[in-house]
PDB file of N, CA and C in Angstrom:
ATOM      1  N   VAL A   1      98.872 101.451  90.323  1.00  0.00           N
ATOM      2  CA  VAL A   1      97.864 101.308  91.452  1.00  0.00           C
ATOM      3  C   VAL A   1      96.415 102.054  90.816  1.00  0.00           C
ATOM      4  N   LEU A   2      95.183 100.789  91.514  1.00  0.00           N
ATOM      5  CA  LEU A   2      93.533 101.515  90.850  1.00  0.00           C
ATOM      6  C   LEU A   2      93.648 102.162  92.112  1.00  0.00           C
ATOM      7  N   VAL A   3      92.228 103.060  91.842  1.00  0.00           N
ATOM      8  CA  VAL A   3      91.750 103.697  92.620  1.00  0.00           C
ATOM      9  C   VAL A   3      90.226 103.387  92.066  1.00  0.00           C
ATOM     10  N   VAL A   4      89.250 102.484  92.970  1.00  0.00           N
ATOM     11  CA  VAL A   4      88.101 102.297  93.250  1.00  0.00           C
ATOM     12  C   VAL A   4      87.430 103.272  93.595  1.00  0.00           C
ATOM     13  N   GLU A   5      86.412 104.150  92.682  1.00  0.00           N
ATOM     14  CA  GLU A   5      85.487 104.854  94.083  1.00  0.00           C
ATOM     15  C   GLU A   5      84.498 105.831  92.977  1.00  0.00           C
ATOM     16  N   ASP A   6      83.012 105.452  93.461  1.00  0.00           N
ATOM     17  CA  ASP A   6      82.161 106.184  92.554  1.00  0.00           C
ATOM     18  C   ASP A   6      81.779 107.258  92.870  1.00  0.00           C
ATOM     19  N   ASP A   7      82.557 107.942  94.003  1.00  0.00           N
ATOM     20  CA  ASP A   7      82.181 109.748  94.574  1.00  0.00           C
ATOM     21  C   ASP A   7      83.278 110.299  93.388  1.00  0.00           C
ATOM     22  N   ALA A   8      82.852 111.172  92.589  1.00  0.00           N
ATOM     23  CA  ALA A   8      83.950 112.213  91.668  1.00  0.00           C
ATOM     24  C   ALA A   8      84.979 113.030  92.694  1.00  0.00           C
ATOM     25  N   THR A   9      84.232 113.462  93.815  1.00  0.00           N
ATOM     26  CA  THR A   9      85.096 114.473  94.774  1.00  0.00           C
ATOM     27  C   THR A   9      86.008 113.682  95.269  1.00  0.00           C
ATOM     28  N   ASN A  10      85.510 112.378  95.816  1.00  0.00           N
ATOM     29  CA  ASN A  10      86.527 111.161  96.950  1.00  0.00           C
ATOM     30  C   ASN A  10      87.655 110.355  95.281  1.00  0.00           C
ATOM     31  N   ARG A  11      87.001 110.853  94.112  1.00  0.00           N
ATOM     32  CA  ARG A  11      88.200 110.263  93.740  1.00  0.00           C
ATOM     33  C   ARG A  11      89.354 110.998  92.765  1.00  0.00           C
ATOM     34  N   LEU A  12      89.071 112.770  93.018  1.00  0.00           N
ATOM     35  CA  LEU A  12      89.845 113.910  93.173  1.00  0.00           C
ATOM     36  C   LEU A  12      90.234 114.174  94.271  1.00  0.00           C
ATOM     37  N   ILE A  13      90.225 113.784  95.723  1.00  0.00           N
ATOM     38  CA  ILE A  13      91.284 113.878  96.326  1.00  0.00           C
ATOM     39  C   ILE A  13      92.279 112.620  96.919  1.00  0.00           C
ATOM     40  N   ILE A  14      91.727 111.534  96.735  1.00  0.00           N
ATOM     41  CA  ILE A  14      92.869 110.265  96.263  1.00  0.00           C
ATOM     42  C   ILE A  14      93.673 110.922  95.066  1.00  0.00           C
ATOM     43  N   THR A  15      93.101 110.803  94.009  1.00  0.00           N
ATOM     44  CA  THR A  15      94.686 110.706  92.533  1.00  0.00           C
ATOM     45  C   THR A  15      94.710 112.479  92.767  1.00  0.00           C
ATOM     46  N   ARG A  16      94.765 113.585  93.627  1.00  0.00           N
ATOM     47  CA  ARG A  16      95.797 114.454  93.998  1.00  0.00           C
ATOM     48  C   ARG A  16      96.352 113.964  95.111  1.00  0.00           C
ATOM     49  N   ILE A  17      96.615 113.203  95.992  1.00  0.00           N
ATOM     50  CA  ILE A  17      96.833 112.601  97.060  1.00  0.00           C
ATOM     51  C   ILE A  17      97.974 111.983  96.158  1.00  0.00           C
ATOM     52  N   LEU A  18      98.012 110.661  95.584  1.00  0.00           N
ATOM     53  CA  LEU A  18      98.920 109.543  95.265  1.00  0.00           C
ATOM     54  C   LEU A  18      99.171 110.715  93.763  1.00  0.00           C
ATOM     55  N   ARG A  19      99.220 111.836  92.921  1.00  0.00           N
ATOM     56  CA  ARG A  19     100.381 112.471  92.526  1.00  0.00           C
ATOM     57  C   ARG A  19     100.772 112.969  93.284  1.00  0.00           C
ATOM     58  N   SER A  20     100.920 113.826  94.378  1.00  0.00           N
ATOM     59  CA  SER A  20     102.103 114.149  95.039  1.00  0.00           C
ATOM     60  C   SER A  20     103.023 113.575  95.783  1.00  0.00           C
ATOM     61  N   HIS A  21     102.751 112.070  95.353  1.00  0.00           N
ATOM     62  CA  HIS A  21     103.623 111.083  95.077  1.00  0.00           C
ATOM     63  C   HIS A  21     103.855 110.757  94.637  1.00  0.00           C
ATOM     64  N   ALA A  22     104.328 111.149  93.248  1.00  0.00           N
ATOM     65  CA  ALA A  22     104.702 110.874  91.630  1.00  0.00           C
ATOM     66  C   ALA A  22     103.673 109.542  91.332  1.00  0.00           C
ATOM     67  N   ILE A  23     102.386 109.018  91.695  1.00  0.00           N
ATOM     68  CA  ILE A  23     101.389 108.407  91.416  1.00  0.00           C
ATOM     69  C   ILE A  23     100.220 108.359  90.563  1.00  0.00           C
ATOM     70  N   ILE A  24     100.138 108.294  89.254  1.00  0.00           N
ATOM     71  CA  ILE A  24      99.417 108.298  88.813  1.00  0.00           C
ATOM     72  C   ILE A  24      98.725 107.172  88.448  1.00  0.00           C
ATOM     73  N   PRO A  25      97.659 107.039  89.465  1.00  0.00           N
ATOM     74  CA  PRO A  25      97.024 106.110  88.913  1.00  0.00           C
ATOM     75  C   PRO A  25      95.097 105.700  87.950  1.00  0.00           C
ATOM     76  N   ASP A  26      95.098 104.518  87.431  1.00  0.00           N
ATOM     77  CA  ASP A  26      94.049 103.984  87.192  1.00  0.00           C
ATOM     78  C   ASP A  26      92.508 104.536  87.842  1.00  0.00           C
ATOM     79  N   ILE A  27      91.728 104.426  86.805  1.00  0.00           N
ATOM     80  CA  ILE A  27      90.929 104.988  88.068  1.00  0.00           C
ATOM     81  C   ILE A  27      89.747 103.746  87.482  1.00  0.00           C
ATOM     82  N   ALA A  28      88.801 103.464  88.633  1.00  0.00           N
ATOM     83  CA  ALA A  28      87.669 102.675  88.551  1.00  0.00           C
ATOM     84  C   ALA A  28      86.416 103.175  88.837  1.00  0.00           C
ATOM     85  N   VAL A  29      84.734 103.333  88.787  1.00  0.00           N
ATOM     86  CA  VAL A  29      84.126 103.459  89.391  1.00  0.00           C
ATOM     87  C   VAL A  29      83.037 102.891  90.146  1.00  0.00           C
ATOM     88  N   ASN A  30      83.132 101.958  89.776  1.00  0.00           N
ATOM     89  CA  ASN A  30      82.561 100.787  90.417  1.00  0.00           C
ATOM     90  C   ASN A  30      83.334  99.648  90.262  1.00  0.00           C
ATOM     91  N   GLY A  31      82.451  98.610  90.918  1.00  0.00           N
ATOM     92  CA  GLY A  31      83.508  97.273  91.254  1.00  0.00           C
ATOM     93  C   GLY A  31      83.729  96.269  90.011  1.00  0.00           C
ATOM     94  N   ARG A  32      82.615  96.444  89.024  1.00  0.00           N
ATOM     95  CA  ARG A  32      82.438  95.806  87.712  1.00  0.00           C
ATOM     96  C   ARG A  32      83.867  96.244  87.544  1.00  0.00           C
ATOM     97  N   HIS A  33      83.703  97.707  87.232  1.00  0.00           N
ATOM     98  CA  HIS A  33      85.160  98.437  86.839  1.00  0.00           C
ATOM     99  C   HIS A  33      85.836  97.600  87.187  1.00  0.00           C
ATOM    100  N   ALA A  34      86.548  97.703  88.185  1.00  0.00           N
ATOM    101  CA  ALA A  34      87.453  97.574  89.013  1.00  0.00           C
ATOM    102  C   ALA A  34      88.071  96.178  89.034  1.00  0.00           C
ATOM    103  N   VAL A  35      87.281  94.896  88.535  1.00  0.00           N
ATOM    104  CA  VAL A  35      87.326  93.727  88.471  1.00  0.00           C
ATOM    105  C   VAL A  35      87.532  94.160  86.830  1.00  0.00           C
ATOM    106  N   ASP A  36      87.209  94.434  85.607  1.00  0.00           N
ATOM    107  CA  ASP A  36      87.738  94.714  84.668  1.00  0.00           C
ATOM    108  C   ASP A  36      89.470  94.898  84.611  1.00  0.00           C
ATOM    109  N   ALA A  37      88.955  95.756  85.245  1.00  0.00           N
ATOM    110  CA  ALA A  37      90.906  96.421  85.472  1.00  0.00           C
ATOM    111  C   ALA A  37      91.359  95.824  85.996  1.00  0.00           C
ATOM    112  N   ALA A  38      91.382  95.303  86.871  1.00  0.00           N
ATOM    113  CA  ALA A  38      92.267  93.721  87.154  1.00  0.00           C
ATOM    114  C   ALA A  38      92.657  92.814  86.387  1.00  0.00           C
ATOM    115  N   ASN A  39      91.472  92.390  85.557  1.00  0.00           N
ATOM    116  CA  ASN A  39      91.872  91.338  84.926  1.00  0.00           C
ATOM    117  C   ASN A  39      92.859  91.345  83.352  1.00  0.00           C
ATOM    118  N   ALA A  40      92.732  93.145  83.290  1.00  0.00           N
ATOM    119  CA  ALA A  40      92.941  93.577  82.215  1.00  0.00           C
ATOM    120  C   ALA A  40      94.946  93.966  82.064  1.00  0.00           C
ATOM    121  N   LYS A  41      95.066  94.302  83.890  1.00  0.00           N
ATOM    122  CA  LYS A  41      96.276  94.779  83.974  1.00  0.00           C
ATOM    123  C   LYS A  41      96.399  94.181  85.716  1.00  0.00           C
ATOM    124  N   SER A  42      98.167  93.765  85.557  1.00  0.00           N
ATOM    125  CA  SER A  42      98.451  94.017  86.873  1.00  0.00           C
ATOM    126  C   SER A  42      98.827  94.835  87.782  1.00  0.00           C
ATOM    127  N   TYR A  43      98.576  94.956  89.305  1.00  0.00           N
ATOM    128  CA  TYR A  43      97.868  96.355  90.200  1.00  0.00           C
ATOM    129  C   TYR A  43      98.737  95.820  91.113  1.00  0.00           C
ATOM    130  N   ASP A  44      99.272  96.356  91.876  1.00  0.00           N
ATOM    131  CA  ASP A  44     100.388  96.467  92.975  1.00  0.00           C
ATOM    132  C   ASP A  44      99.498  96.447  94.399  1.00  0.00           C
ATOM    133  N   LEU A  45      98.057  97.643  94.338  1.00  0.00           N
ATOM    134  CA  LEU A  45      97.542  98.416  94.949  1.00  0.00           C
ATOM    135  C   LEU A  45      96.598  98.334  94.456  1.00  0.00           C
ATOM    136  N   ILE A  46      95.347  98.075  94.904  1.00  0.00           N
ATOM    137  CA  ILE A  46      94.592  98.823  94.872  1.00  0.00           C
ATOM    138  C   ILE A  46      93.316  99.098  96.642  1.00  0.00           C
ATOM    139  N   PHE A  47      93.043 101.443  95.978  1.00  0.00           N
ATOM    140  CA  PHE A  47      92.329 101.755  96.987  1.00  0.00           C
ATOM    141  C   PHE A  47      91.024 101.129  96.681  1.00  0.00           C
ATOM    142  N   MET A  48      89.979 100.937  97.672  1.00  0.00           N
ATOM    143  CA  MET A  48      88.635 100.054  97.422  1.00  0.00           C
ATOM    144  C   MET A  48      88.087 100.523  97.586  1.00  0.00           C
ATOM    145  N   ASP A  49      86.849 101.619  97.544  1.00  0.00           N
ATOM    146  CA  ASP A  49      85.453 102.030  98.239  1.00  0.00           C
ATOM    147  C   ASP A  49      84.557 100.763  98.083  1.00  0.00           C
ATOM    148  N   ILE A  50      83.640 100.817  99.540  1.00  0.00           N
ATOM    149  CA  ILE A  50      83.343  99.925  99.501  1.00  0.00           C
ATOM    150  C   ILE A  50      82.136  99.661  99.432  1.00  0.00           C
ATOM    151  N   LEU A  51      81.421 101.072 100.021  1.00  0.00           N
ATOM    152  CA  LEU A  51      79.329 100.923  99.116  1.00  0.00           C
ATOM    153  C   LEU A  51      79.775 101.921  97.604  1.00  0.00           C
ATOM    154  N   MET A  52      79.903 100.631  96.433  1.00  0.00           N
ATOM    155  CA  MET A  52      79.308 101.233  95.616  1.00  0.00           C
ATOM    156  C   MET A  52      78.171 100.712  94.785  1.00  0.00           C
ATOM    157  N   PRO A  53      77.480 101.413  93.749  1.00  0.00           N
ATOM    158  CA  PRO A  53      76.112 100.759  92.569  1.00  0.00           C
ATOM    159  C   PRO A  53      77.197  99.240  91.595  1.00  0.00           C
ATOM    160  N   GLU A  54      76.373  98.463  91.783  1.00  0.00           N
ATOM    161  CA  GLU A  54      76.923  97.586  90.581  1.00  0.00           C
ATOM    162  C   GLU A  54      76.918  96.246  91.360  1.00  0.00           C
ATOM    163  N   LEU A  55      78.490  96.771  91.609  1.00  0.00           N
ATOM    164  CA  LEU A  55      79.305  95.537  92.698  1.00  0.00           C
ATOM    165  C   LEU A  55      79.480  96.160  93.502  1.00  0.00           C
ATOM    166  N   ASP A  56      79.570  96.042  94.805  1.00  0.00           N
ATOM    167  CA  ASP A  56      80.658  97.044  96.182  1.00  0.00           C
ATOM    168  C   ASP A  56      81.542  96.295  95.867  1.00  0.00           C
ATOM    169  N   GLY A  57      82.345  97.268  97.027  1.00  0.00           N
ATOM    170  CA  GLY A  57      83.932  96.833  97.394  1.00  0.00           C
ATOM    171  C   GLY A  57      83.684  95.044  97.540  1.00  0.00           C
ATOM    172  N   LEU A  58      83.642  95.094  98.445  1.00  0.00           N
ATOM    173  CA  LEU A  58      83.768  93.535  98.855  1.00  0.00           C
ATOM    174  C   LEU A  58      83.378  92.627  97.873  1.00  0.00           C
ATOM    175  N   ASP A  59      82.509  92.756  96.929  1.00  0.00           N
ATOM    176  CA  ASP A  59      82.234  90.816  96.126  1.00  0.00           C
ATOM    177  C   ASP A  59      83.331  91.755  94.889  1.00  0.00           C
ATOM    178  N   ALA A  60      83.928  93.401  94.537  1.00  0.00           N
ATOM    179  CA  ALA A  60      84.711  93.203  93.640  1.00  0.00           C
ATOM    180  C   ALA A  60      85.713  92.707  94.470  1.00  0.00           C
ATOM    181  N   THR A  61      86.626  92.930  95.594  1.00  0.00           N
ATOM    182  CA  THR A  61      87.954  91.901  95.835  1.00  0.00           C
ATOM    183  C   THR A  61      87.925  90.600  96.197  1.00  0.00           C
ATOM    184  N   ARG A  62      86.491  89.951  96.404  1.00  0.00           N
ATOM    185  CA  ARG A  62      86.191  88.433  96.419  1.00  0.00           C
ATOM    186  C   ARG A  62      86.396  88.391  94.761  1.00  0.00           C
ATOM    187  N   ALA A  63      86.586  89.467  94.111  1.00  0.00           N
ATOM    188  CA  ALA A  63      85.903  88.543  92.327  1.00  0.00           C
ATOM    189  C   ALA A  63      87.557  88.656  91.627  1.00  0.00           C
ATOM    190  N   ILE A  64      88.123  89.876  91.927  1.00  0.00           N
ATOM    191  CA  ILE A  64      89.545  90.554  91.854  1.00  0.00           C
ATOM    192  C   ILE A  64      90.627  88.460  92.367  1.00  0.00           C
ATOM    193  N   ARG A  65      90.225  88.445  93.662  1.00  0.00           N
ATOM    194  CA  ARG A  65      90.771  87.309  94.619  1.00  0.00           C
ATOM    195  C   ARG A  65      91.119  85.962  93.882  1.00  0.00           C
ATOM    196  N   ALA A  66      89.545  85.743  93.478  1.00  0.00           N
ATOM    197  CA  ALA A  66      89.402  84.547  92.699  1.00  0.00           C
ATOM    198  C   ALA A  66      89.694  84.627  91.130  1.00  0.00           C
ATOM    199  N   LEU A  67      89.471  85.788  90.825  1.00  0.00           N
ATOM    200  CA  LEU A  67      90.106  86.227  89.076  1.00  0.00           C
ATOM    201  C   LEU A  67      91.952  85.952  89.328  1.00  0.00           C
ATOM    202  N   LEU A  68      92.469  86.381  90.371  1.00  0.00           N
ATOM    203  CA  LEU A  68      93.766  86.270  90.024  1.00  0.00           C
ATOM    204  C   LEU A  68      94.467  85.033  90.714  1.00  0.00           C
ATOM    205  N   GLN A  69      93.651  83.983  91.270  1.00  0.00           N
ATOM    206  CA  GLN A  69      93.756  83.106  91.946  1.00  0.00           C
ATOM    207  C   GLN A  69      95.322  82.399  91.374  1.00  0.00           C
ATOM    208  N   GLY A  70      96.758  82.170  91.927  1.00  0.00           N
ATOM    209  CA  GLY A  70      97.337  81.589  91.662  1.00  0.00           C
ATOM    210  C   GLY A  70      98.544  82.668  90.418  1.00  0.00           C
ATOM    211  N   ARG A  71      97.920  84.221  90.411  1.00  0.00           N
ATOM    212  CA  ARG A  71      99.088  85.295  89.823  1.00  0.00           C
ATOM    213  C   ARG A  71      99.070  85.770  90.942  1.00  0.00           C
ATOM    214  N   HIS A  72      99.644  87.584  90.699  1.00  0.00           N
ATOM    215  CA  HIS A  72      99.854  88.591  91.272  1.00  0.00           C
ATOM    216  C   HIS A  72      98.899  88.947  92.142  1.00  0.00           C
ATOM    217  N   GLN A  73      98.518  88.865  93.670  1.00  0.00           N
ATOM    218  CA  GLN A  73      97.534  89.585  94.103  1.00  0.00           C
ATOM    219  C   GLN A  73      97.621  90.675  94.922  1.00  0.00           C
ATOM    220  N   PRO A  74      96.934  91.853  94.123  1.00  0.00           N
ATOM    221  CA  PRO A  74      97.495  93.303  94.916  1.00  0.00           C
ATOM    222  C   PRO A  74      97.694  92.773  96.009  1.00  0.00           C
ATOM    223  N   ARG A  75      98.223  94.358  96.805  1.00  0.00           N
ATOM    224  CA  ARG A  75      97.105  94.673  97.953  1.00  0.00           C
ATOM    225  C   ARG A  75      95.580  95.277  98.158  1.00  0.00           C
ATOM    226  N   ILE A  76      95.017  95.028  98.584  1.00  0.00           N
ATOM    227  CA  ILE A  76      93.595  95.671  98.994  1.00  0.00           C
ATOM    228  C   ILE A  76      93.829  96.252 100.052  1.00  0.00           C
ATOM    229  N   VAL A  77      93.204  97.822  99.719  1.00  0.00           N
ATOM    230  CA  VAL A  77      92.976  99.174 100.648  1.00  0.00           C
ATOM    231  C   VAL A  77      91.267  99.014 100.757  1.00  0.00           C
ATOM    232  N   ALA A  78      90.791  98.864 102.124  1.00  0.00           N
ATOM    233  CA  ALA A  78      89.264  99.289 101.940  1.00  0.00           C
ATOM    234  C   ALA A  78      89.280 101.113 102.245  1.00  0.00           C
ATOM    235  N   LEU A  79      88.943 101.209 101.189  1.00  0.00           N
ATOM    236  CA  LEU A  79      88.411 103.106 101.878  1.00  0.00           C
ATOM    237  C   LEU A  79      86.558 103.094 102.086  1.00  0.00           C
ATOM    238  N   THR A  80      86.315 102.875 103.910  1.00  0.00           N
ATOM    239  CA  THR A  80      84.910 103.815 103.939  1.00  0.00           C
ATOM    240  C   THR A  80      84.928 104.238 105.255  1.00  0.00           C
ATOM    241  N   ALA A  81      83.672 104.445 105.062  1.00  0.00           N
ATOM    242  CA  ALA A  81      83.141 105.405 106.741  1.00  0.00           C
ATOM    243  C   ALA A  81      82.802 104.546 108.049  1.00  0.00           C
ATOM    244  N   SER A  82      82.044 103.200 106.652  1.00  0.00           N
ATOM    245  CA  SER A  82      82.386 101.865 108.382  1.00  0.00           C
ATOM    246  C   SER A  82      83.410 100.923 108.843  1.00  0.00           C
ATOM    247  N   VAL A  83      84.017 101.977 110.094  1.00  0.00           N
ATOM    248  CA  VAL A  83      85.298 101.127 110.262  1.00  0.00           C
ATOM    249  C   VAL A  83      84.747 100.653 111.948  1.00  0.00           C
ATOM    250  N   LEU A  84      83.417  99.977 112.026  1.00  0.00           N
ATOM    251  CA  LEU A  84      83.287  99.439 113.125  1.00  0.00           C
ATOM    252  C   LEU A  84      83.582  97.867 113.497  1.00  0.00           C
ATOM    253  N   PRO A  85      84.582  98.012 114.391  1.00  0.00           N
ATOM    254  CA  PRO A  85      85.531  95.661 114.123  1.00  0.00           C
ATOM    255  C   PRO A  85      84.244  95.006 113.947  1.00  0.00           C
ATOM    256  N   ASP A  86      83.223  94.874 113.439  1.00  0.00           N
ATOM    257  CA  ASP A  86      82.600  93.829 113.024  1.00  0.00           C
ATOM    258  C   ASP A  86      82.857  94.133 111.403  1.00  0.00           C
ATOM    259  N   GLN A  87      82.594  94.920 110.702  1.00  0.00           N
ATOM    260  CA  GLN A  87      82.255  95.389 109.536  1.00  0.00           C
ATOM    261  C   GLN A  87      83.577  95.390 108.892  1.00  0.00           C
ATOM    262  N   GLN A  88      84.752  95.999 110.281  1.00  0.00           N
ATOM    263  CA  GLN A  88      86.312  95.236 109.192  1.00  0.00           C
ATOM    264  C   GLN A  88      86.284  94.086 109.438  1.00  0.00           C
ATOM    265  N   HIS A  89      86.061  93.429 110.269  1.00  0.00           N
ATOM    266  CA  HIS A  89      86.134  91.810 109.869  1.00  0.00           C
ATOM    267  C   HIS A  89      85.922  91.201 108.659  1.00  0.00           C
ATOM    268  N   ARG A  90      84.285  91.578 108.625  1.00  0.00           N
ATOM    269  CA  ARG A  90      83.993  91.163 107.418  1.00  0.00           C
ATOM    270  C   ARG A  90      84.624  91.572 106.332  1.00  0.00           C
ATOM    271  N   TYR A  91      84.769  92.752 106.120  1.00  0.00           N
ATOM    272  CA  TYR A  91      86.199  93.699 105.266  1.00  0.00           C
ATOM    273  C   TYR A  91      87.379  92.157 104.950  1.00  0.00           C
ATOM    274  N   PHE A  92      88.037  91.995 106.291  1.00  0.00           N
ATOM    275  CA  PHE A  92      89.207  91.201 105.910  1.00  0.00           C
ATOM    276  C   PHE A  92      89.271  90.023 105.210  1.00  0.00           C
ATOM    277  N   GLU A  93      87.939  88.864 105.668  1.00  0.00           N
ATOM    278  CA  GLU A  93      86.879  87.908 105.048  1.00  0.00           C
ATOM    279  C   GLU A  93      87.216  87.889 103.544  1.00  0.00           C
ATOM    280  N   ALA A  94      86.839  88.946 103.103  1.00  0.00           N
ATOM    281  CA  ALA A  94      86.634  89.223 101.853  1.00  0.00           C
ATOM    282  C   ALA A  94      88.244  89.315 101.152  1.00  0.00           C
ATOM    283  N   GLY A  95      88.725  89.659 101.394  1.00  0.00           N
ATOM    284  CA  GLY A  95      90.490  89.498 101.357  1.00  0.00           C
ATOM    285  C   GLY A  95      90.729  91.183 101.229  1.00  0.00           C
ATOM    286  N   VAL A  96      90.826  91.890 101.919  1.00  0.00           N
ATOM    287  CA  VAL A  96      91.237  93.110 101.954  1.00  0.00           C
ATOM    288  C   VAL A  96      92.378  92.868 103.116  1.00  0.00           C
ATOM    289  N   ASN A  97      93.417  93.891 102.867  1.00  0.00           N
ATOM    290  CA  ASN A  97      94.692  94.081 103.376  1.00  0.00           C
ATOM    291  C   ASN A  97      94.545  94.836 103.886  1.00  0.00           C
ATOM    292  N   ALA A  98      93.877  96.164 104.126  1.00  0.00           N
ATOM    293  CA  ALA A  98      93.489  96.848 105.264  1.00  0.00           C
ATOM    294  C   ALA A  98      93.122  97.695 105.344  1.00  0.00           C
ATOM    295  N   VAL A  99      92.600  98.286 106.060  1.00  0.00           N
ATOM    296  CA  VAL A  99      91.362  99.703 106.074  1.00  0.00           C
ATOM    297  C   VAL A  99      91.699 100.829 106.238  1.00  0.00           C
ATOM    298  N   LEU A 100      91.547 102.029 105.643  1.00  0.00           N
ATOM    299  CA  LEU A 100      91.560 103.507 105.270  1.00  0.00           C
ATOM    300  C   LEU A 100      89.762 103.741 105.700  1.00  0.00           C
ATOM    301  N   PRO A 101      89.934 104.673 106.937  1.00  0.00           N
ATOM    302  CA  PRO A 101      88.371 105.172 107.345  1.00  0.00           C
ATOM    303  C   PRO A 101      88.433 106.703 106.311  1.00  0.00           C
ATOM    304  N   LYS A 102      87.355 106.954 105.611  1.00  0.00           N
ATOM    305  CA  LYS A 102      87.073 107.843 104.937  1.00  0.00           C
ATOM    306  C   LYS A 102      86.458 109.075 106.382  1.00  0.00           C
ATOM    307  N   PRO A 103      86.923 110.428 106.300  1.00  0.00           N
ATOM    308  CA  PRO A 103      86.860 111.179 105.225  1.00  0.00           C
ATOM    309  C   PRO A 103      88.376 110.477 105.069  1.00  0.00           C
ATOM    310  N   ILE A 104      89.087 110.498 104.228  1.00  0.00           N
ATOM    311  CA  ILE A 104      90.741 110.520 103.390  1.00  0.00           C
ATOM    312  C   ILE A 104      91.221 111.447 103.579  1.00  0.00           C
ATOM    313  N   LYS A 105      92.372 110.506 104.853  1.00  0.00           N
ATOM    314  CA  LYS A 105      93.843 112.063 104.929  1.00  0.00           C
ATOM    315  C   LYS A 105      94.655 112.091 104.237  1.00  0.00           C
ATOM    316  N   LEU A 106      95.535 112.769 104.132  1.00  0.00           N
ATOM    317  CA  LEU A 106      96.668 112.726 103.519  1.00  0.00           C
ATOM    318  C   LEU A 106      97.894 111.496 103.458  1.00  0.00           C
ATOM    319  N   ALA A 107      97.889 112.094 105.677  1.00  0.00           N
ATOM    320  CA  ALA A 107      98.505 110.799 106.613  1.00  0.00           C
ATOM    321  C   ALA A 107      98.226 109.589 106.100  1.00  0.00           C
ATOM    322  N   ASP A 108      96.680 109.260 106.090  1.00  0.00           N
ATOM    323  CA  ASP A 108      96.291 107.451 105.830  1.00  0.00           C
ATOM    324  C   ASP A 108      97.220 106.659 104.545  1.00  0.00           C
ATOM    325  N   ILE A 109      96.917 107.729 103.332  1.00  0.00           N
ATOM    326  CA  ILE A 109      97.175 106.946 102.329  1.00  0.00           C
ATOM    327  C   ILE A 109      98.593 107.249 101.728  1.00  0.00           C
ATOM    328  N   ALA A 110      99.686 108.203 102.846  1.00  0.00           N
ATOM    329  CA  ALA A 110     101.264 108.333 103.030  1.00  0.00           C
ATOM    330  C   ALA A 110     101.682 107.166 103.513  1.00  0.00           C
ATOM    331  N   ASN A 111     100.763 106.784 104.892  1.00  0.00           N
ATOM    332  CA  ASN A 111     101.129 105.709 105.155  1.00  0.00           C
ATOM    333  C   ASN A 111     101.220 104.234 104.843  1.00  0.00           C
ATOM    334  N   GLU A 112      99.880 104.217 104.032  1.00  0.00           N
ATOM    335  CA  GLU A 112     100.242 103.005 103.584  1.00  0.00           C
ATOM    336  C   GLU A 112     100.559 102.384 102.160  1.00  0.00           C
ATOM    337  N   LEU A 113     101.374 103.932 101.857  1.00  0.00           N
ATOM    338  CA  LEU A 113     102.256 103.866 100.868  1.00  0.00           C
ATOM    339  C   LEU A 113     103.642 103.254 101.063  1.00  0.00           C
ATOM    340  N   SER A 114     104.104 103.610 102.385  1.00  0.00           N
ATOM    341  CA  SER A 114     105.058 103.786 102.889  1.00  0.00           C
ATOM    342  C   SER A 114     104.677 101.705 103.178  1.00  0.00           C
ATOM    343  N   ARG A 115     103.911 101.559 103.452  1.00  0.00           N
ATOM    344  CA  ARG A 115     103.822  99.909 104.351  1.00  0.00           C
ATOM    345  C   ARG A 115     104.049  99.123 103.563  1.00  0.00           C
ATOM    346  N   HIS A 116     103.441  99.597 101.899  1.00  0.00           N
ATOM    347  CA  HIS A 116     103.332  99.108 100.457  1.00  0.00           C
ATOM    348  C   HIS A 116     104.641  99.063  99.551  1.00  0.00           C
ATOM    349  N   LYS A 117     105.362  99.863  99.976  1.00  0.00           N
ATOM    350  CA  LYS A 117     106.703 100.173  99.257  1.00  0.00           C
ATOM    351  C   LYS A 117     107.561  99.131 100.374  1.00  0.00           C
ATOM    352  N   THR A 118     107.831  99.112 101.719  1.00  0.00           N
ATOM    353  CA  THR A 118     108.811  97.974 102.387  1.00  0.00           C
ATOM    354  C   THR A 118     107.867  96.805 102.228  1.00  0.00           C
ATOM    355  N   THR A 119     107.222  96.630 102.352  1.00  0.00           N
ATOM    356  CA  THR A 119     106.563  95.174 101.922  1.00  0.00           C
ATOM    357  C   THR A 119     106.614  94.790  99.984  1.00  0.00           C
ATOM    358  N   GLU A 120     107.433  95.400  99.494  1.00  0.00           N
ATOM    359  CA  GLU A 120     107.108  94.957  98.311  1.00  0.00           C
ATOM    360  C   GLU A 120     108.832  93.762  97.780  1.00  0.00           C
ATOM    361  N   PRO A 121     108.894  92.763  97.378  1.00  0.00           N
ATOM    362  CA  PRO A 121     110.219  92.000  97.174  1.00  0.00           C
ATOM    363  C   PRO A 121     111.182  92.844  96.364  1.00  0.00           C
ATOM    364  N   LYS A 122     111.927  92.674  96.588  1.00  0.00           N
ATOM    365  CA  LYS A 122     113.641  93.076  96.975  1.00  0.00           C
ATOM    366  C   LYS A 122     114.241  92.512  95.575  1.00  0.00           C
ATOM    367  N   ALA A 123     114.788  93.255  94.322  1.00  0.00           N
ATOM    368  CA  ALA A 123     115.038  92.668  93.367  1.00  0.00           C
ATOM    369  C   ALA A 123     117.120  92.202  93.809  1.00  0.00           C
ATOM    370  N   GLY A 124     116.977  90.889  93.320  1.00  0.00           N
ATOM    371  CA  GLY A 124     118.367  90.701  93.013  1.00  0.00           C
ATOM    372  C   GLY A 124     118.546  89.510  93.932  1.00  0.00           C
TER     373      GLY A 124
END
């Protein structure tokens, strides 16, 4: 799991929630770092902030999708306070799989983790 978030408080909250589910995520503090991380390591799940300096979450998502074309594509979950229908439409067009509203809630992350586990390919 990769957490992409420029705000230190939000990173701490998301990391604590994930650790309560026995997940120790990698961290990226902006979209450029997220693209570099996705190029260096295969992630199953990326929690992506939308509004960030240097490279925003939508451009980072597009770059990750293009970079990994023909390879394993992670599930990308947008984290944002901007959740109007037209905004969400733009997120999905960019390649985001789901949108979670900020402020982040434990139940939202837990539901997303459950959703992800039920969509993982089964071995054997």
